[in-house]
Amino acid sequence: MIQEQTSIMDCFKQTFEPSDHLWIFRSRMDDHKRGGDIDLYIETQLSAEGAVKAKFKFLRLIQNEIGEQKIDIVLNVLELNQHLPIYETAKKGHLFV
């Protein structure tokens, strides 16, 4: 799991802005609990269009690094100023970057 986390962080840094942040949440926060998917939460300063493009590039990079896995990404484009309950739930996870 630590290798996966390192790969995810590296892919994130290649794709998103230095001011953006990445959290992992739910079962993958605990190495002893193996969930069926990887749940990621991203806060980004990118525009909505740029954020969507970055999300798909990020997913491709991750899958090239760690293989095909179910990855769910909650994307919070900060300029849209939305406050969804999932954002607060996700931020209770582990902050990576």
PDB file of N, CA and C in Angstrom:
ATOM      1  N   MET A   1       0.820  -1.196   0.000  1.00  0.00           N
ATOM      2  CA  MET A   1       0.000   0.000   0.000  1.00  0.00           C
ATOM      3  C   MET A   1       0.865   1.262   0.000  1.00  0.00           C
ATOM      4  N   ILE A   2       2.001   1.231   0.674  1.00  0.00           N
ATOM      5  CA  ILE A   2       2.855   2.413   0.721  1.00  0.00           C
ATOM      6  C   ILE A   2       3.375   2.744  -0.681  1.00  0.00           C
ATOM      7  N   GLN A   3       3.717   1.734  -1.462  1.00  0.00           N
ATOM      8  CA  GLN A   3       4.158   1.966  -2.837  1.00  0.00           C
ATOM      9  C   GLN A   3       3.045   2.604  -3.658  1.00  0.00           C
ATOM     10  N   GLU A   4       1.799   2.131  -3.476  1.00  0.00           N
ATOM     11  CA  GLU A   4       0.654   2.727  -4.171  1.00  0.00           C
ATOM     12  C   GLU A   4       0.495   4.193  -3.791  1.00  0.00           C
ATOM     13  N   GLN A   5       0.600   4.483  -2.507  1.00  0.00           N
ATOM     14  CA  GLN A   5       0.445   5.853  -2.021  1.00  0.00           C
ATOM     15  C   GLN A   5       1.520   6.759  -2.619  1.00  0.00           C
ATOM     16  N   THR A   6       2.736   6.287  -2.663  1.00  0.00           N
ATOM     17  CA  THR A   6       3.831   7.058  -3.243  1.00  0.00           C
ATOM     18  C   THR A   6       3.570   7.323  -4.721  1.00  0.00           C
ATOM     19  N   SER A   7       3.125   6.309  -5.437  1.00  0.00           N
ATOM     20  CA  SER A   7       2.815   6.465  -6.864  1.00  0.00           C
ATOM     21  C   SER A   7       1.686   7.464  -7.074  1.00  0.00           C
ATOM     22  N   ILE A   8       0.648   7.393  -6.249  1.00  0.00           N
ATOM     23  CA  ILE A   8      -0.481   8.318  -6.355  1.00  0.00           C
ATOM     24  C   ILE A   8      -0.015   9.749  -6.112  1.00  0.00           C
ATOM     25  N   MET A   9       0.788   9.953  -5.087  1.00  0.00           N
ATOM     26  CA  MET A   9       1.291  11.300  -4.789  1.00  0.00           C
ATOM     27  C   MET A   9       2.146  11.838  -5.931  1.00  0.00           C
ATOM     28  N   ASP A  10       3.017  10.990  -6.483  1.00  0.00           N
ATOM     29  CA  ASP A  10       3.860  11.409  -7.604  1.00  0.00           C
ATOM     30  C   ASP A  10       3.021  11.798  -8.824  1.00  0.00           C
ATOM     31  N   CYS A  11       2.008  11.001  -9.129  1.00  0.00           N
ATOM     32  CA  CYS A  11       1.127  11.298 -10.259  1.00  0.00           C
ATOM     33  C   CYS A  11       0.365  12.601 -10.017  1.00  0.00           C
ATOM     34  N   PHE A  12      -0.064  12.817  -8.786  1.00  0.00           N
ATOM     35  CA  PHE A  12      -0.774  14.048  -8.448  1.00  0.00           C
ATOM     36  C   PHE A  12       0.120  15.261  -8.677  1.00  0.00           C
ATOM     37  N   LYS A  13       1.348  15.180  -8.219  1.00  0.00           N
ATOM     38  CA  LYS A  13       2.281  16.303  -8.367  1.00  0.00           C
ATOM     39  C   LYS A  13       2.596  16.589  -9.832  1.00  0.00           C
ATOM     40  N   GLN A  14       2.551  15.562 -10.680  1.00  0.00           N
ATOM     41  CA  GLN A  14       2.799  15.742 -12.111  1.00  0.00           C
ATOM     42  C   GLN A  14       1.614  16.389 -12.830  1.00  0.00           C
ATOM     43  N   THR A  15       0.443  16.300 -12.219  1.00  0.00           N
ATOM     44  CA  THR A  15      -0.787  16.684 -12.910  1.00  0.00           C
ATOM     45  C   THR A  15      -1.408  17.986 -12.400  1.00  0.00           C
ATOM     46  N   PHE A  16      -1.413  18.173 -11.096  1.00  0.00           N
ATOM     47  CA  PHE A  16      -2.103  19.312 -10.507  1.00  0.00           C
ATOM     48  C   PHE A  16      -1.122  20.398 -10.081  1.00  0.00           C
ATOM     49  N   GLU A  17      -1.661  21.519  -9.661  1.00  0.00           N
ATOM     50  CA  GLU A  17      -0.869  22.672  -9.248  1.00  0.00           C
ATOM     51  C   GLU A  17      -0.249  22.449  -7.872  1.00  0.00           C
ATOM     52  N   PRO A  18       0.894  23.086  -7.581  1.00  0.00           N
ATOM     53  CA  PRO A  18       1.518  22.946  -6.258  1.00  0.00           C
ATOM     54  C   PRO A  18       0.604  23.392  -5.105  1.00  0.00           C
ATOM     55  N   SER A  19      -0.326  24.289  -5.375  1.00  0.00           N
ATOM     56  CA  SER A  19      -1.238  24.770  -4.334  1.00  0.00           C
ATOM     57  C   SER A  19      -2.446  23.852  -4.130  1.00  0.00           C
ATOM     58  N   ASP A  20      -2.600  22.822  -4.967  1.00  0.00           N
ATOM     59  CA  ASP A  20      -3.721  21.891  -4.851  1.00  0.00           C
ATOM     60  C   ASP A  20      -3.430  20.840  -3.788  1.00  0.00           C
ATOM     61  N   HIS A  21      -4.503  20.193  -3.301  1.00  0.00           N
ATOM     62  CA  HIS A  21      -4.353  19.220  -2.218  1.00  0.00           C
ATOM     63  C   HIS A  21      -5.064  17.915  -2.550  1.00  0.00           C
ATOM     64  N   LEU A  22      -4.532  16.829  -1.999  1.00  0.00           N
ATOM     65  CA  LEU A  22      -5.041  15.477  -2.234  1.00  0.00           C
ATOM     66  C   LEU A  22      -5.208  14.743  -0.908  1.00  0.00           C
ATOM     67  N   TRP A  23      -6.383  14.134  -0.718  1.00  0.00           N
ATOM     68  CA  TRP A  23      -6.650  13.292   0.443  1.00  0.00           C
ATOM     69  C   TRP A  23      -7.031  11.903  -0.039  1.00  0.00           C
ATOM     70  N   ILE A  24      -6.726  10.892   0.776  1.00  0.00           N
ATOM     71  CA  ILE A  24      -7.262   9.555   0.568  1.00  0.00           C
ATOM     72  C   ILE A  24      -8.209   9.305   1.733  1.00  0.00           C
ATOM     73  N   PHE A  25      -9.347   8.683   1.456  1.00  0.00           N
ATOM     74  CA  PHE A  25     -10.314   8.462   2.528  1.00  0.00           C
ATOM     75  C   PHE A  25     -10.976   7.096   2.412  1.00  0.00           C
ATOM     76  N   ARG A  26     -11.728   6.763   3.422  1.00  0.00           N
ATOM     77  CA  ARG A  26     -12.409   5.484   3.612  1.00  0.00           C
ATOM     78  C   ARG A  26     -11.411   4.376   3.910  1.00  0.00           C
ATOM     79  N   SER A  27     -11.672   3.167   3.404  1.00  0.00           N
ATOM     80  CA  SER A  27     -10.914   1.993   3.829  1.00  0.00           C
ATOM     81  C   SER A  27      -9.433   2.053   3.497  1.00  0.00           C
ATOM     82  N   ARG A  28      -9.028   2.752   2.455  1.00  0.00           N
ATOM     83  CA  ARG A  28      -7.620   2.773   2.079  1.00  0.00           C
ATOM     84  C   ARG A  28      -6.772   3.635   3.005  1.00  0.00           C
ATOM     85  N   MET A  29      -7.408   4.312   3.959  1.00  0.00           N
ATOM     86  CA  MET A  29      -6.643   5.081   4.942  1.00  0.00           C
ATOM     87  C   MET A  29      -5.891   4.141   5.875  1.00  0.00           C
ATOM     88  N   ASP A  30      -6.424   2.942   6.052  1.00  0.00           N
ATOM     89  CA  ASP A  30      -5.868   1.968   6.983  1.00  0.00           C
ATOM     90  C   ASP A  30      -5.291   0.807   6.181  1.00  0.00           C
ATOM     91  N   ASP A  31      -3.977   0.588   6.298  1.00  0.00           N
ATOM     92  CA  ASP A  31      -3.326  -0.490   5.551  1.00  0.00           C
ATOM     93  C   ASP A  31      -3.867  -1.872   5.910  1.00  0.00           C
ATOM     94  N   HIS A  32      -4.477  -2.010   7.088  1.00  0.00           N
ATOM     95  CA  HIS A  32      -4.993  -3.309   7.521  1.00  0.00           C
ATOM     96  C   HIS A  32      -6.370  -3.602   6.938  1.00  0.00           C
ATOM     97  N   LYS A  33      -7.052  -2.586   6.441  1.00  0.00           N
ATOM     98  CA  LYS A  33      -8.355  -2.752   5.815  1.00  0.00           C
ATOM     99  C   LYS A  33      -8.177  -2.611   4.315  1.00  0.00           C
ATOM    100  N   ARG A  34      -8.517  -3.613   3.592  1.00  0.00           N
ATOM    101  CA  ARG A  34      -8.371  -3.584   2.134  1.00  0.00           C
ATOM    102  C   ARG A  34      -9.729  -3.367   1.503  1.00  0.00           C
ATOM    103  N   GLY A  35      -9.962  -2.161   1.047  1.00  0.00           N
ATOM    104  CA  GLY A  35     -11.214  -1.849   0.382  1.00  0.00           C
ATOM    105  C   GLY A  35     -11.158  -2.256  -1.075  1.00  0.00           C
ATOM    106  N   GLY A  36     -12.295  -2.222  -1.733  1.00  0.00           N
ATOM    107  CA  GLY A  36     -12.363  -2.608  -3.125  1.00  0.00           C
ATOM    108  C   GLY A  36     -11.929  -1.514  -4.075  1.00  0.00           C
ATOM    109  N   ASP A  37     -11.810  -0.298  -3.566  1.00  0.00           N
ATOM    110  CA  ASP A  37     -11.431   0.793  -4.443  1.00  0.00           C
ATOM    111  C   ASP A  37     -10.572   1.803  -3.685  1.00  0.00           C
ATOM    112  N   ILE A  38     -10.046   2.743  -4.431  1.00  0.00           N
ATOM    113  CA  ILE A  38      -9.250   3.829  -3.852  1.00  0.00           C
ATOM    114  C   ILE A  38     -10.086   5.091  -3.969  1.00  0.00           C
ATOM    115  N   ASP A  39     -10.354   5.729  -2.834  1.00  0.00           N
ATOM    116  CA  ASP A  39     -11.161   6.942  -2.811  1.00  0.00           C
ATOM    117  C   ASP A  39     -10.260   8.139  -2.583  1.00  0.00           C
ATOM    118  N   LEU A  40     -10.262   9.072  -3.533  1.00  0.00           N
ATOM    119  CA  LEU A  40      -9.415  10.257  -3.460  1.00  0.00           C
ATOM    120  C   LEU A  40     -10.266  11.519  -3.510  1.00  0.00           C
ATOM    121  N   TYR A  41      -9.829  12.516  -2.766  1.00  0.00           N
ATOM    122  CA  TYR A  41     -10.481  13.825  -2.767  1.00  0.00           C
ATOM    123  C   TYR A  41      -9.443  14.860  -3.146  1.00  0.00           C
ATOM    124  N   ILE A  42      -9.776  15.710  -4.118  1.00  0.00           N
ATOM    125  CA  ILE A  42      -8.849  16.730  -4.613  1.00  0.00           C
ATOM    126  C   ILE A  42      -9.499  18.102  -4.510  1.00  0.00           C
ATOM    127  N   GLU A  43      -8.764  19.049  -3.933  1.00  0.00           N
ATOM    128  CA  GLU A  43      -9.138  20.460  -3.975  1.00  0.00           C
ATOM    129  C   GLU A  43      -8.172  21.131  -4.931  1.00  0.00           C
ATOM    130  N   THR A  44      -8.720  21.832  -5.916  1.00  0.00           N
ATOM    131  CA  THR A  44      -7.859  22.427  -6.938  1.00  0.00           C
ATOM    132  C   THR A  44      -8.206  23.882  -7.223  1.00  0.00           C
ATOM    133  N   GLN A  45      -7.174  24.628  -7.546  1.00  0.00           N
ATOM    134  CA  GLN A  45      -7.304  26.014  -7.966  1.00  0.00           C
ATOM    135  C   GLN A  45      -7.518  26.124  -9.479  1.00  0.00           C
ATOM    136  N   LEU A  46      -7.419  25.014 -10.190  1.00  0.00           N
ATOM    137  CA  LEU A  46      -7.613  25.023 -11.646  1.00  0.00           C
ATOM    138  C   LEU A  46      -9.040  25.429 -11.997  1.00  0.00           C
ATOM    139  N   SER A  47      -9.227  25.892 -13.219  1.00  0.00           N
ATOM    140  CA  SER A  47     -10.577  26.170 -13.712  1.00  0.00           C
ATOM    141  C   SER A  47     -11.331  24.842 -13.795  1.00  0.00           C
ATOM    142  N   ALA A  48     -12.645  24.917 -13.930  1.00  0.00           N
ATOM    143  CA  ALA A  48     -13.438  23.696 -14.039  1.00  0.00           C
ATOM    144  C   ALA A  48     -12.970  22.838 -15.210  1.00  0.00           C
ATOM    145  N   GLU A  49     -12.748  23.468 -16.365  1.00  0.00           N
ATOM    146  CA  GLU A  49     -12.293  22.721 -17.546  1.00  0.00           C
ATOM    147  C   GLU A  49     -10.902  22.123 -17.305  1.00  0.00           C
ATOM    148  N   GLY A  50     -10.005  22.917 -16.757  1.00  0.00           N
ATOM    149  CA  GLY A  50      -8.658  22.427 -16.476  1.00  0.00           C
ATOM    150  C   GLY A  50      -8.654  21.306 -15.456  1.00  0.00           C
ATOM    151  N   ALA A  51      -9.543  21.398 -14.466  1.00  0.00           N
ATOM    152  CA  ALA A  51      -9.622  20.375 -13.422  1.00  0.00           C
ATOM    153  C   ALA A  51     -10.092  19.038 -13.986  1.00  0.00           C
ATOM    154  N   VAL A  52     -11.070  19.079 -14.860  1.00  0.00           N
ATOM    155  CA  VAL A  52     -11.569  17.834 -15.465  1.00  0.00           C
ATOM    156  C   VAL A  52     -10.482  17.194 -16.324  1.00  0.00           C
ATOM    157  N   LYS A  53      -9.783  17.991 -17.116  1.00  0.00           N
ATOM    158  CA  LYS A  53      -8.681  17.459 -17.927  1.00  0.00           C
ATOM    159  C   LYS A  53      -7.591  16.857 -17.033  1.00  0.00           C
ATOM    160  N   ALA A  54      -7.264  17.559 -15.957  1.00  0.00           N
ATOM    161  CA  ALA A  54      -6.234  17.076 -15.036  1.00  0.00           C
ATOM    162  C   ALA A  54      -6.675  15.773 -14.366  1.00  0.00           C
ATOM    163  N   LYS A  55      -7.950  15.685 -14.007  1.00  0.00           N
ATOM    164  CA  LYS A  55      -8.467  14.475 -13.365  1.00  0.00           C
ATOM    165  C   LYS A  55      -8.252  13.249 -14.255  1.00  0.00           C
ATOM    166  N   PHE A  56      -8.587  13.370 -15.550  1.00  0.00           N
ATOM    167  CA  PHE A  56      -8.450  12.217 -16.439  1.00  0.00           C
ATOM    168  C   PHE A  56      -6.976  11.887 -16.705  1.00  0.00           C
ATOM    169  N   LYS A  57      -6.141  12.897 -16.805  1.00  0.00           N
ATOM    170  CA  LYS A  57      -4.711  12.648 -16.960  1.00  0.00           C
ATOM    171  C   LYS A  57      -4.164  11.948 -15.715  1.00  0.00           C
ATOM    172  N   PHE A  58      -4.573  12.420 -14.541  1.00  0.00           N
ATOM    173  CA  PHE A  58      -4.176  11.832 -13.259  1.00  0.00           C
ATOM    174  C   PHE A  58      -4.573  10.357 -13.191  1.00  0.00           C
ATOM    175  N   LEU A  59      -5.802  10.049 -13.573  1.00  0.00           N
ATOM    176  CA  LEU A  59      -6.259   8.654 -13.569  1.00  0.00           C
ATOM    177  C   LEU A  59      -5.413   7.783 -14.494  1.00  0.00           C
ATOM    178  N   ARG A  60      -5.112   8.290 -15.697  1.00  0.00           N
ATOM    179  CA  ARG A  60      -4.271   7.521 -16.635  1.00  0.00           C
ATOM    180  C   ARG A  60      -2.889   7.265 -16.047  1.00  0.00           C
ATOM    181  N   LEU A  61      -2.295   8.296 -15.456  1.00  0.00           N
ATOM    182  CA  LEU A  61      -0.967   8.136 -14.859  1.00  0.00           C
ATOM    183  C   LEU A  61      -0.982   7.112 -13.726  1.00  0.00           C
ATOM    184  N   ILE A  62      -1.996   7.183 -12.872  1.00  0.00           N
ATOM    185  CA  ILE A  62      -2.092   6.225 -11.759  1.00  0.00           C
ATOM    186  C   ILE A  62      -2.207   4.810 -12.297  1.00  0.00           C
ATOM    187  N   GLN A  63      -3.084   4.611 -13.253  1.00  0.00           N
ATOM    188  CA  GLN A  63      -3.276   3.261 -13.778  1.00  0.00           C
ATOM    189  C   GLN A  63      -2.027   2.738 -14.474  1.00  0.00           C
ATOM    190  N   ASN A  64      -1.253   3.617 -15.082  1.00  0.00           N
ATOM    191  CA  ASN A  64       0.019   3.189 -15.658  1.00  0.00           C
ATOM    192  C   ASN A  64       1.007   2.782 -14.575  1.00  0.00           C
ATOM    193  N   GLU A  65       0.920   3.423 -13.432  1.00  0.00           N
ATOM    194  CA  GLU A  65       1.855   3.145 -12.330  1.00  0.00           C
ATOM    195  C   GLU A  65       1.458   1.931 -11.498  1.00  0.00           C
ATOM    196  N   ILE A  66       0.179   1.830 -11.125  1.00  0.00           N
ATOM    197  CA  ILE A  66      -0.226   0.780 -10.175  1.00  0.00           C
ATOM    198  C   ILE A  66      -1.142  -0.270 -10.795  1.00  0.00           C
ATOM    199  N   GLY A  67      -1.485  -0.101 -12.065  1.00  0.00           N
ATOM    200  CA  GLY A  67      -2.347  -1.070 -12.730  1.00  0.00           C
ATOM    201  C   GLY A  67      -3.816  -0.687 -12.622  1.00  0.00           C
ATOM    202  N   GLU A  68      -4.627  -1.476 -13.292  1.00  0.00           N
ATOM    203  CA  GLU A  68      -6.071  -1.233 -13.313  1.00  0.00           C
ATOM    204  C   GLU A  68      -6.656  -1.489 -11.935  1.00  0.00           C
ATOM    205  N   GLN A  69      -7.256  -0.467 -11.378  1.00  0.00           N
ATOM    206  CA  GLN A  69      -7.950  -0.567 -10.097  1.00  0.00           C
ATOM    207  C   GLN A  69      -9.128   0.379 -10.129  1.00  0.00           C
ATOM    208  N   LYS A  70     -10.097   0.114  -9.282  1.00  0.00           N
ATOM    209  CA  LYS A  70     -11.248   1.012  -9.154  1.00  0.00           C
ATOM    210  C   LYS A  70     -10.799   2.217  -8.343  1.00  0.00           C
ATOM    211  N   ILE A  71     -10.844   3.384  -8.970  1.00  0.00           N
ATOM    212  CA  ILE A  71     -10.425   4.626  -8.322  1.00  0.00           C
ATOM    213  C   ILE A  71     -11.569   5.627  -8.435  1.00  0.00           C
ATOM    214  N   ASP A  72     -12.029   6.113  -7.286  1.00  0.00           N
ATOM    215  CA  ASP A  72     -13.065   7.141  -7.246  1.00  0.00           C
ATOM    216  C   ASP A  72     -12.419   8.456  -6.846  1.00  0.00           C
ATOM    217  N   ILE A  73     -12.711   9.503  -7.616  1.00  0.00           N
ATOM    218  CA  ILE A  73     -12.144  10.815  -7.321  1.00  0.00           C
ATOM    219  C   ILE A  73     -13.275  11.812  -7.103  1.00  0.00           C
ATOM    220  N   VAL A  74     -13.235  12.450  -5.941  1.00  0.00           N
ATOM    221  CA  VAL A  74     -14.131  13.563  -5.654  1.00  0.00           C
ATOM    222  C   VAL A  74     -13.312  14.816  -5.937  1.00  0.00           C
ATOM    223  N   LEU A  75     -13.789  15.616  -6.867  1.00  0.00           N
ATOM    224  CA  LEU A  75     -13.049  16.785  -7.324  1.00  0.00           C
ATOM    225  C   LEU A  75     -13.767  18.057  -6.868  1.00  0.00           C
ATOM    226  N   ASN A  76     -13.062  18.889  -6.114  1.00  0.00           N
ATOM    227  CA  ASN A  76     -13.608  20.158  -5.638  1.00  0.00           C
ATOM    228  C   ASN A  76     -12.861  21.288  -6.341  1.00  0.00           C
ATOM    229  N   VAL A  77     -13.536  21.914  -7.303  1.00  0.00           N
ATOM    230  CA  VAL A  77     -12.971  23.059  -8.019  1.00  0.00           C
ATOM    231  C   VAL A  77     -13.292  24.284  -7.163  1.00  0.00           C
ATOM    232  N   LEU A  78     -12.289  24.819  -6.499  1.00  0.00           N
ATOM    233  CA  LEU A  78     -12.505  25.861  -5.499  1.00  0.00           C
ATOM    234  C   LEU A  78     -13.157  27.116  -6.061  1.00  0.00           C
ATOM    235  N   GLU A  79     -12.886  27.464  -7.319  1.00  0.00           N
ATOM    236  CA  GLU A  79     -13.481  28.673  -7.889  1.00  0.00           C
ATOM    237  C   GLU A  79     -15.004  28.576  -8.010  1.00  0.00           C
ATOM    238  N   LEU A  80     -15.546  27.372  -7.985  1.00  0.00           N
ATOM    239  CA  LEU A  80     -17.001  27.190  -8.068  1.00  0.00           C
ATOM    240  C   LEU A  80     -17.682  27.448  -6.728  1.00  0.00           C
ATOM    241  N   ASN A  81     -16.893  27.466  -5.653  1.00  0.00           N
ATOM    242  CA  ASN A  81     -17.382  27.783  -4.311  1.00  0.00           C
ATOM    243  C   ASN A  81     -18.573  26.921  -3.904  1.00  0.00           C
ATOM    244  N   GLN A  82     -18.465  25.615  -4.129  1.00  0.00           N
ATOM    245  CA  GLN A  82     -19.513  24.679  -3.732  1.00  0.00           C
ATOM    246  C   GLN A  82     -19.152  24.068  -2.385  1.00  0.00           C
ATOM    247  N   HIS A  83     -20.166  23.772  -1.599  1.00  0.00           N
ATOM    248  CA  HIS A  83     -19.952  23.178  -0.279  1.00  0.00           C
ATOM    249  C   HIS A  83     -20.825  21.928  -0.173  1.00  0.00           C
ATOM    250  N   LEU A  84     -20.291  20.820  -0.631  1.00  0.00           N
ATOM    251  CA  LEU A  84     -21.025  19.563  -0.611  1.00  0.00           C
ATOM    252  C   LEU A  84     -20.630  18.743   0.615  1.00  0.00           C
ATOM    253  N   PRO A  85     -21.562  18.002   1.212  1.00  0.00           N
ATOM    254  CA  PRO A  85     -21.243  17.193   2.398  1.00  0.00           C
ATOM    255  C   PRO A  85     -20.094  16.206   2.172  1.00  0.00           C
ATOM    256  N   ILE A  86     -19.964  15.655   0.967  1.00  0.00           N
ATOM    257  CA  ILE A  86     -18.892  14.701   0.692  1.00  0.00           C
ATOM    258  C   ILE A  86     -17.522  15.334   0.883  1.00  0.00           C
ATOM    259  N   TYR A  87     -17.394  16.637   0.657  1.00  0.00           N
ATOM    260  CA  TYR A  87     -16.108  17.301   0.824  1.00  0.00           C
ATOM    261  C   TYR A  87     -15.636  17.213   2.267  1.00  0.00           C
ATOM    262  N   GLU A  88     -16.537  17.468   3.199  1.00  0.00           N
ATOM    263  CA  GLU A  88     -16.165  17.411   4.621  1.00  0.00           C
ATOM    264  C   GLU A  88     -15.859  15.981   5.055  1.00  0.00           C
ATOM    265  N   THR A  89     -16.634  15.033   4.558  1.00  0.00           N
ATOM    266  CA  THR A  89     -16.376  13.622   4.868  1.00  0.00           C
ATOM    267  C   THR A  89     -15.005  13.212   4.353  1.00  0.00           C
ATOM    268  N   ALA A  90     -14.697  13.567   3.117  1.00  0.00           N
ATOM    269  CA  ALA A  90     -13.430  13.189   2.501  1.00  0.00           C
ATOM    270  C   ALA A  90     -12.242  13.824   3.214  1.00  0.00           C
ATOM    271  N   LYS A  91     -12.397  15.058   3.692  1.00  0.00           N
ATOM    272  CA  LYS A  91     -11.292  15.760   4.341  1.00  0.00           C
ATOM    273  C   LYS A  91     -10.973  15.190   5.724  1.00  0.00           C
ATOM    274  N   LYS A  92     -11.797  14.276   6.206  1.00  0.00           N
ATOM    275  CA  LYS A  92     -11.486  13.582   7.455  1.00  0.00           C
ATOM    276  C   LYS A  92     -10.484  12.458   7.204  1.00  0.00           C
ATOM    277  N   GLY A  93     -10.197  12.218   5.944  1.00  0.00           N
ATOM    278  CA  GLY A  93      -9.236  11.199   5.550  1.00  0.00           C
ATOM    279  C   GLY A  93      -7.806  11.681   5.775  1.00  0.00           C
ATOM    280  N   HIS A  94      -6.885  11.031   5.107  1.00  0.00           N
ATOM    281  CA  HIS A  94      -5.463  11.313   5.238  1.00  0.00           C
ATOM    282  C   HIS A  94      -5.021  12.287   4.158  1.00  0.00           C
ATOM    283  N   LEU A  95      -4.495  13.439   4.568  1.00  0.00           N
ATOM    284  CA  LEU A  95      -3.987  14.424   3.608  1.00  0.00           C
ATOM    285  C   LEU A  95      -2.647  13.935   3.070  1.00  0.00           C
ATOM    286  N   PHE A  96      -2.562  13.793   1.756  1.00  0.00           N
ATOM    287  CA  PHE A  96      -1.307  13.387   1.111  1.00  0.00           C
ATOM    288  C   PHE A  96      -0.449  14.594   0.778  1.00  0.00           C
ATOM    289  N   VAL A  97      -1.012  15.475   0.006  1.00  0.00           N
ATOM    290  CA  VAL A  97      -0.256  16.594  -0.544  1.00  0.00           C
ATOM    291  C   VAL A  97      -1.023  17.877  -0.282  1.00  0.00           C
TER     292      VAL A  97
END
